[in-house]
Amino acid sequence: MFSVSHIHHIAIICSDYGVSKHFYSELLGFEIIKETYRETRQSYKLDLAINETQQIELFSFPSAPARPSYPEAQGLRHLAFAAQDLEACIKHLNQHGVITEAIRVDELTGKKFTFFADPDNLPIELYEA
């Protein structure tokens, strides 16, 4: 039987490693677990802890192709994080120059949520916990 307990990690390939490293570690506050420069690939791999069980792997590759379109391209649509205080998170992002969409309400759950973009325009959702 196939059985999983949780998502272990989400892998993101960025276009500007320094900018994305700052965004995810400093602005979003994810803890750096390990940073590795891989000489043979001329790329970085940064492991970031979201919590005790989930991580983000941030990669840089010299010639990675751009995302084909936003946001309705086939494939992963967006990354969503649960937020205890949605308004406080939005205020923090806005104070650091990150534009957030207007708060919406999920018609199925009644929970509030919003979207914003990372430095590579990857759509990120904050969903009321």
Foldseek 3Di string as FASTA:
>chain_A
DDDDDDAQEAEDEDADVVQQCCCVCPLVNWAWPDWDQDVVQRKIWTWTHPDPRYIYTYMYGNDDDADPDPQPDPDDRAAEDEDQDQVVSCVSCVVVVWDKDDWDADPVPRWIKIWTAGPSRGIYMYTYD
